[in-house]
Amino acid sequence: MQTASYYISLHDSTVQCQLCPHQCILSPDQYGICNTRVNRKGTLVTESFGVLSGISNDPIEKKPLYHFFPGKPILSIGSFGCNLACDFCQNCEISQITPRLFEHHPVREPWDIVGKAIMHQGNIGLAYTYNEPSVYYEFMARCAVQIKEHGRYNVVVTNGYINQEPLEALLPSIDAFNVDLKSFREEFYRTRSRAKLRPVLDTIERIARSGVHLELTFLIIPGMNDSPEEWEDMIRWINATCGQDAILHVSRYFPRYKLRNPPTPVKTLQKFLDQAAGRINYLYPGNTPLLESHTYCPGCRSLLIERNLYHSTIVGIGPDGCCTNCHATIHGVFKEL
């Protein structure tokens, strides 16, 4: 248990968390929406510090990140809790938790996790993933600084629901983000995730301006966010915000948690990919082996990266990050600094 970052004291030992847009106002012993932060006698503390739900050396493609050191492994960690309440949550066992879960788990120190990351040969750093990393912000921030001191990289896989001040403080330590854009409709975020769309868009806009590597993920749920009209608005916004070289993973939904809609038809994914083609250069289907996920040059259509599930082989990108056929610059990070 650690004192939390980003909160203010109000009256009668009440505090307001300012880490995410919920900005929970908490009386003594009350937990925030994320169930990881609690008011203890007028001090906001985080119970998730150093408590891990998982640690694994994963392919970077599993995050998913396809244009950030393809084929490299990265040590991945997660904790428990989330600041959203998606009824379709794909990892509900660790994200949709009850208070006091943390007291039953051991605590790991940042130096311990960083040491594990640097001892793996070929490992490029740490990925903060599995559950929403912002709810273990303090632990992530400390690990990220130490990883950078060892010349390794930090990756954050996030729902993007974080306030601008803590995001700004985190940006200098992070090398790549994958942000999950769940819908392009305010009503979807309100009814399905108990959140708001605008803060997620603000996060994506800020990361895009920062120059930090950014990839996006969109999970298509039948009957919920699969209308061509919503797709058109989202595609247009991504193009305007992230540029034509945006990298977008379009994933297939399967029934999980409270939602029992049927799985996304593969033809629906293909329909989205066809609609976005020409306006987003790098489009990838996810959660299905039925559609290929190779990378092709946007200019000459030469094969650049060949993928088989989570295994990637660079076949057409030179050491300068350019297509070996037409010499067009390929958006991404392919060579260690």
Protein backbone atom coordinates (compact mmCIF):
# COMPACT_ATOMS: atom_id res chain seq x y z
CA MET A 1 0.00 0.00 0.00
CA GLN A 2 1.36 3.40 -1.04
CA THR A 3 0.17 6.98 -0.92
CA ALA A 4 -1.51 7.68 -4.26
CA SER A 5 -0.53 10.33 -6.74
CA TYR A 6 -2.97 12.94 -8.04
CA TYR A 7 -5.57 13.68 -5.40
CA ILE A 8 -6.70 16.66 -3.36
CA SER A 9 -8.02 16.91 0.19
CA LEU A 10 -11.47 18.37 0.66
CA HIS A 11 -13.33 18.67 3.98
CA ASP A 12 -13.94 16.26 6.89
CA SER A 13 -11.18 13.91 5.67
CA THR A 14 -12.84 13.61 2.25
CA VAL A 15 -10.53 13.38 -0.78
CA GLN A 16 -10.95 13.64 -4.54
CA CYS A 17 -8.91 11.40 -6.82
CA GLN A 18 -7.66 13.24 -9.90
CA LEU A 19 -5.96 10.40 -11.75
CA CYS A 20 -8.80 9.67 -14.17
CA PRO A 21 -11.88 11.53 -15.47
CA HIS A 22 -14.19 9.90 -12.90
CA GLN A 23 -12.54 12.15 -10.27
CA CYS A 24 -14.09 10.09 -7.47
CA ILE A 25 -14.94 11.97 -4.25
CA LEU A 26 -14.28 9.54 -1.41
CA SER A 27 -15.21 9.57 2.24
CA PRO A 28 -12.96 7.72 4.72
CA ASP A 29 -12.69 3.99 3.90
CA GLN A 30 -14.50 4.46 0.58
CA TYR A 31 -13.02 2.94 -2.60
CA GLY A 32 -12.96 4.58 -6.02
CA ILE A 33 -14.70 3.15 -9.07
CA CYS A 34 -11.49 1.26 -9.93
CA ASN A 35 -11.55 -0.57 -6.55
CA THR A 36 -7.80 -0.01 -6.24
CA ARG A 37 -7.68 3.39 -4.50
CA VAL A 38 -9.17 4.03 -1.07
CA ASN A 39 -9.41 6.92 1.39
CA ARG A 40 -7.57 6.02 4.59
CA LYS A 41 -8.12 8.72 7.25
CA GLY A 42 -7.98 11.54 4.71
CA THR A 43 -5.09 10.13 2.65
CA LEU A 44 -5.70 8.49 -0.71
CA VAL A 45 -3.73 5.26 -0.95
CA THR A 46 -3.26 2.77 -3.76
CA GLU A 47 -3.61 -0.87 -2.80
CA SER A 48 -2.42 -2.13 -6.19
CA PHE A 49 1.21 -1.06 -5.76
CA GLY A 50 3.40 -4.08 -6.54
CA VAL A 51 0.52 -6.57 -6.59
CA LEU A 52 0.63 -8.51 -9.85
CA SER A 53 -1.98 -10.69 -11.50
CA GLY A 54 0.47 -11.91 -14.12
CA ILE A 55 4.02 -11.68 -15.41
CA SER A 56 5.09 -13.24 -18.70
CA ASN A 57 7.68 -12.84 -21.44
CA ASP A 58 5.39 -12.21 -24.45
CA PRO A 59 5.89 -11.48 -28.13
CA ILE A 60 5.42 -7.72 -28.69
CA GLU A 61 2.75 -8.66 -31.26
CA LYS A 62 0.52 -9.91 -28.44
CA LYS A 63 -0.02 -6.40 -27.04
CA PRO A 64 -0.84 -5.85 -29.98
CA LEU A 65 2.01 -3.75 -31.38
CA TYR A 66 2.96 -4.57 -34.97
CA HIS A 67 5.28 -1.66 -35.84
CA PHE A 68 7.36 -1.55 -32.64
CA PHE A 69 10.34 -3.94 -32.80
CA PRO A 70 8.51 -6.74 -34.64
CA GLY A 71 9.48 -10.22 -33.50
CA LYS A 72 10.96 -9.07 -30.18
CA PRO A 73 9.92 -10.35 -26.74
CA ILE A 74 8.88 -8.03 -23.93
CA LEU A 75 8.28 -8.81 -20.26
CA SER A 76 4.60 -8.09 -19.58
CA ILE A 77 3.00 -7.38 -16.22
CA GLY A 78 -0.50 -6.66 -14.99
CA SER A 79 -2.27 -6.08 -11.71
CA PHE A 80 -5.98 -6.05 -10.81
CA GLY A 81 -8.80 -3.55 -11.32
CA CYS A 82 -10.01 -1.11 -13.95
CA ASN A 83 -11.55 2.35 -14.09
CA LEU A 84 -14.10 1.21 -16.68
CA ALA A 85 -16.92 -1.29 -16.19
CA CYS A 86 -17.35 -2.74 -19.70
CA ASP A 87 -20.04 -5.40 -19.75
CA PHE A 88 -18.11 -7.14 -22.56
CA CYS A 89 -14.76 -7.13 -20.71
CA GLN A 90 -12.37 -9.68 -22.21
CA ASN A 91 -10.29 -10.06 -19.02
CA CYS A 92 -12.98 -9.62 -16.37
CA GLU A 93 -11.34 -12.04 -13.91
CA ILE A 94 -8.60 -9.53 -13.15
CA SER A 95 -10.23 -6.21 -14.07
CA GLN A 96 -13.71 -6.40 -12.52
CA ILE A 97 -12.74 -6.96 -8.91
CA THR A 98 -14.09 -6.34 -5.43
CA PRO A 99 -12.35 -4.23 -2.76
CA ARG A 100 -9.83 -5.84 -0.40
CA LEU A 101 -8.58 -8.29 -3.01
CA PHE A 102 -5.05 -6.92 -2.72
CA GLU A 103 -4.48 -7.89 0.90
CA HIS A 104 -4.41 -11.55 -0.17
CA HIS A 105 -1.50 -11.12 -2.62
CA PRO A 106 2.26 -10.58 -2.16
CA VAL A 107 3.89 -7.27 -3.07
CA ARG A 108 6.73 -7.03 -5.63
CA GLU A 109 9.15 -4.11 -5.69
CA PRO A 110 9.93 -2.19 -8.91
CA TRP A 111 13.63 -3.17 -8.80
CA ASP A 112 12.59 -6.84 -8.67
CA ILE A 113 10.47 -6.58 -11.84
CA VAL A 114 13.05 -4.46 -13.66
CA GLY A 115 15.75 -6.97 -12.76
CA LYS A 116 13.66 -9.78 -14.19
CA ALA A 117 13.15 -7.80 -17.40
CA ILE A 118 16.82 -7.07 -18.02
CA MET A 119 18.00 -10.62 -17.31
CA HIS A 120 16.03 -12.04 -20.27
CA GLN A 121 18.25 -12.09 -23.36
CA GLY A 122 16.72 -10.17 -26.26
CA ASN A 123 13.95 -8.71 -24.10
CA ILE A 124 13.29 -5.07 -25.05
CA GLY A 125 11.77 -3.90 -21.76
CA LEU A 126 8.47 -3.86 -19.89
CA ALA A 127 4.85 -3.84 -21.07
CA TYR A 128 2.13 -2.69 -18.69
CA THR A 129 -0.92 -4.63 -19.80
CA TYR A 130 -3.48 -7.37 -18.94
CA ASN A 131 -5.62 -5.02 -16.82
CA GLU A 132 -5.78 -1.20 -17.10
CA PRO A 133 -2.26 0.09 -16.22
CA SER A 134 -3.38 3.54 -15.07
CA VAL A 135 -4.94 2.01 -11.94
CA TYR A 136 -1.46 0.90 -10.87
CA TYR A 137 0.00 4.21 -12.05
CA GLU A 138 2.53 4.65 -9.22
CA PHE A 139 4.08 1.21 -9.69
CA MET A 140 4.15 1.60 -13.47
CA ALA A 141 5.79 5.03 -13.22
CA ARG A 142 8.58 3.80 -10.95
CA CYS A 143 9.28 0.73 -13.08
CA ALA A 144 9.27 2.85 -16.25
CA VAL A 145 11.93 5.23 -14.95
CA GLN A 146 14.18 2.35 -13.89
CA ILE A 147 13.76 0.50 -17.19
CA LYS A 148 14.84 3.63 -19.08
CA GLU A 149 17.96 3.82 -16.90
CA HIS A 150 18.89 0.37 -18.25
CA GLY A 151 18.38 1.44 -21.87
CA ARG A 152 15.19 -0.62 -22.34
CA TYR A 153 11.71 0.37 -23.51
CA ASN A 154 8.28 0.85 -21.92
CA VAL A 155 4.99 -0.11 -23.53
CA VAL A 156 1.53 0.79 -22.19
CA VAL A 157 -1.64 -1.02 -23.29
CA THR A 158 -4.50 1.15 -22.06
CA ASN A 159 -8.13 2.17 -22.34
CA GLY A 160 -6.95 5.78 -22.47
CA TYR A 161 -9.14 6.88 -19.54
CA ILE A 162 -6.65 9.10 -17.74
CA ASN A 163 -6.47 12.81 -16.96
CA GLN A 164 -4.06 14.99 -18.88
CA GLU A 165 -1.72 15.90 -15.98
CA PRO A 166 -0.75 12.31 -15.07
CA LEU A 167 -0.52 11.46 -18.76
CA GLU A 168 1.91 14.33 -19.31
CA ALA A 169 4.05 13.15 -16.40
CA LEU A 170 4.16 9.61 -17.81
CA LEU A 171 4.90 10.44 -21.47
CA PRO A 172 8.69 11.03 -21.14
CA SER A 173 9.17 7.46 -19.86
CA ILE A 174 6.95 5.64 -22.36
CA ASP A 175 8.08 4.51 -25.81
CA ALA A 176 4.88 3.00 -27.21
CA PHE A 177 1.14 2.94 -26.50
CA ASN A 178 -1.70 0.81 -27.71
CA VAL A 179 -4.97 2.59 -26.91
CA ASP A 180 -8.26 0.71 -26.97
CA LEU A 181 -10.89 2.86 -28.68
CA LYS A 182 -14.07 0.96 -27.84
CA SER A 183 -16.53 2.99 -29.89
CA PHE A 184 -16.94 6.39 -31.50
CA ARG A 185 -20.28 7.03 -29.77
CA GLU A 186 -20.77 8.73 -26.42
CA GLU A 187 -23.82 6.58 -25.68
CA PHE A 188 -21.77 3.38 -26.03
CA TYR A 189 -19.20 4.55 -23.48
CA ARG A 190 -21.93 5.69 -21.08
CA THR A 191 -24.11 2.57 -21.23
CA ARG A 192 -21.57 -0.21 -21.87
CA SER A 193 -18.45 1.09 -20.05
CA ARG A 194 -19.85 3.65 -17.58
CA ALA A 195 -17.46 6.27 -18.88
CA LYS A 196 -17.14 9.06 -21.46
CA LEU A 197 -15.70 9.08 -24.96
CA ARG A 198 -14.09 12.52 -24.97
CA PRO A 199 -11.29 11.81 -22.45
CA VAL A 200 -10.20 8.79 -24.52
CA LEU A 201 -10.04 10.94 -27.65
CA ASP A 202 -8.05 13.56 -25.70
CA THR A 203 -5.54 10.87 -24.68
CA ILE A 204 -5.12 9.67 -28.25
CA GLU A 205 -4.70 13.23 -29.51
CA ARG A 206 -2.04 14.00 -26.90
CA ILE A 207 -0.05 10.84 -27.59
CA ALA A 208 -0.27 11.47 -31.34
CA ARG A 209 1.16 14.98 -30.85
CA SER A 210 3.94 13.74 -28.58
CA GLY A 211 5.65 11.62 -31.21
CA VAL A 212 5.57 8.53 -28.97
CA HIS A 213 4.77 5.42 -31.00
CA LEU A 214 1.00 4.83 -31.07
CA GLU A 215 -1.21 2.01 -32.26
CA LEU A 216 -4.98 1.74 -31.79
CA THR A 217 -7.31 -1.20 -31.22
CA PHE A 218 -11.03 -1.34 -32.03
CA LEU A 219 -13.11 -4.34 -30.91
CA ILE A 220 -16.17 -4.75 -33.14
CA ILE A 221 -19.22 -5.98 -31.19
CA PRO A 222 -22.23 -7.07 -33.29
CA GLY A 223 -25.20 -4.80 -32.80
CA MET A 224 -23.24 -2.39 -30.59
CA ASN A 225 -20.56 -0.55 -32.57
CA ASP A 226 -20.73 -2.15 -36.01
CA SER A 227 -22.61 0.45 -38.04
CA PRO A 228 -20.88 1.79 -41.18
CA GLU A 229 -21.91 5.31 -40.13
CA GLU A 230 -20.01 5.06 -36.83
CA TRP A 231 -17.05 3.51 -38.63
CA GLU A 232 -17.00 6.36 -41.12
CA ASP A 233 -16.89 8.98 -38.35
CA MET A 234 -14.12 7.09 -36.54
CA ILE A 235 -12.02 6.48 -39.64
CA ARG A 236 -12.24 10.16 -40.58
CA TRP A 237 -11.22 11.21 -37.04
CA ILE A 238 -8.29 8.78 -36.88
CA ASN A 239 -7.04 10.02 -40.23
CA ALA A 240 -7.27 13.66 -39.11
CA THR A 241 -5.73 13.03 -35.67
CA CYS A 242 -3.09 10.37 -36.30
CA GLY A 243 -2.53 10.81 -40.02
CA GLN A 244 -2.84 8.34 -42.85
CA ASP A 245 0.06 6.34 -41.36
CA ALA A 246 -2.10 5.41 -38.36
CA ILE A 247 -1.87 1.78 -37.19
CA LEU A 248 -5.25 0.26 -36.33
CA HIS A 249 -6.02 -3.24 -35.08
CA VAL A 250 -9.63 -4.29 -35.72
CA SER A 251 -10.47 -7.18 -33.42
CA ARG A 252 -13.12 -9.85 -33.37
CA TYR A 253 -15.37 -9.95 -30.29
CA PHE A 254 -16.26 -13.16 -28.46
CA PRO A 255 -18.90 -13.41 -25.68
CA ARG A 256 -17.42 -12.58 -22.28
CA TYR A 257 -18.47 -11.32 -18.86
CA LYS A 258 -22.07 -9.99 -19.00
CA LEU A 259 -22.53 -9.69 -22.75
CA ARG A 260 -23.71 -12.68 -24.76
CA ASN A 261 -23.91 -11.26 -28.28
CA PRO A 262 -22.66 -13.76 -30.88
CA PRO A 263 -19.03 -13.51 -32.03
CA THR A 264 -18.21 -10.94 -34.67
CA PRO A 265 -18.54 -12.46 -38.15
CA VAL A 266 -15.25 -12.46 -40.01
CA LYS A 267 -17.03 -10.79 -42.93
CA THR A 268 -17.81 -7.82 -40.63
CA LEU A 269 -14.10 -7.33 -39.94
CA GLN A 270 -13.40 -7.51 -43.65
CA LYS A 271 -16.14 -4.95 -44.32
CA PHE A 272 -14.49 -2.50 -41.90
CA LEU A 273 -11.05 -3.11 -43.41
CA ASP A 274 -12.45 -2.43 -46.88
CA GLN A 275 -14.15 0.76 -45.69
CA ALA A 276 -10.95 2.12 -44.09
CA ALA A 277 -8.61 1.10 -46.90
CA GLY A 278 -6.88 4.02 -48.55
CA ARG A 279 -7.39 6.34 -45.59
CA ILE A 280 -5.54 4.34 -42.91
CA ASN A 281 -2.35 2.78 -44.24
CA TYR A 282 -1.84 0.04 -41.67
CA LEU A 283 -4.92 -2.05 -40.87
CA TYR A 284 -4.81 -5.40 -39.10
CA PRO A 285 -7.51 -7.93 -38.17
CA GLY A 286 -7.30 -9.35 -34.66
CA ASN A 287 -8.59 -12.41 -32.79
CA THR A 288 -8.89 -14.45 -35.96
CA PRO A 289 -6.46 -16.55 -38.00
CA LEU A 290 -8.86 -16.41 -40.96
CA LEU A 291 -7.61 -13.04 -42.23
CA GLU A 292 -3.95 -12.31 -42.90
CA SER A 293 -2.10 -9.71 -40.87
CA HIS A 294 1.03 -9.09 -42.97
CA THR A 295 2.38 -5.56 -43.46
CA TYR A 296 2.62 -4.20 -46.99
CA CYS A 297 4.23 -1.01 -48.24
CA PRO A 298 1.53 1.66 -48.67
CA GLY A 299 3.32 2.84 -51.83
CA CYS A 300 4.40 -0.18 -53.87
CA ARG A 301 2.52 -2.94 -51.95
CA SER A 302 5.67 -4.98 -51.41
CA LEU A 303 5.57 -7.39 -48.47
CA LEU A 304 7.35 -5.79 -45.51
CA ILE A 305 6.57 -7.93 -42.46
CA GLU A 306 5.30 -11.48 -42.61
CA ARG A 307 3.24 -12.68 -39.63
CA ASN A 308 2.09 -16.10 -38.52
CA LEU A 309 -0.01 -15.65 -35.37
CA TYR A 310 2.42 -13.90 -32.97
CA HIS A 311 5.57 -14.68 -34.95
CA SER A 312 6.86 -11.87 -37.18
CA THR A 313 9.65 -11.76 -39.76
CA ILE A 314 10.83 -8.52 -41.36
CA VAL A 315 11.34 -9.24 -45.06
CA GLY A 316 11.15 -5.85 -46.77
CA ILE A 317 12.26 -3.10 -44.38
CA GLY A 318 15.87 -1.99 -44.45
CA PRO A 319 18.03 -0.78 -41.53
CA ASP A 320 16.94 2.78 -42.37
CA GLY A 321 13.26 1.91 -41.74
CA CYS A 322 12.40 2.17 -45.44
CA CYS A 323 10.83 -0.21 -47.92
CA THR A 324 13.66 -2.07 -49.65
CA ASN A 325 11.78 -1.92 -52.96
CA CYS A 326 10.58 1.69 -53.34
CA HIS A 327 12.47 3.30 -50.40
CA ALA A 328 9.31 4.78 -48.86
CA THR A 329 9.63 5.47 -45.12
CA ILE A 330 7.60 2.97 -43.11
CA HIS A 331 5.92 4.27 -39.98
CA GLY A 332 7.19 2.51 -36.86
CA VAL A 333 10.21 1.69 -34.72
CA PHE A 334 12.27 -1.10 -36.26
CA LYS A 335 15.80 -0.45 -35.03
CA GLU A 336 17.00 0.01 -31.45
CA LEU A 337 18.48 3.40 -30.63
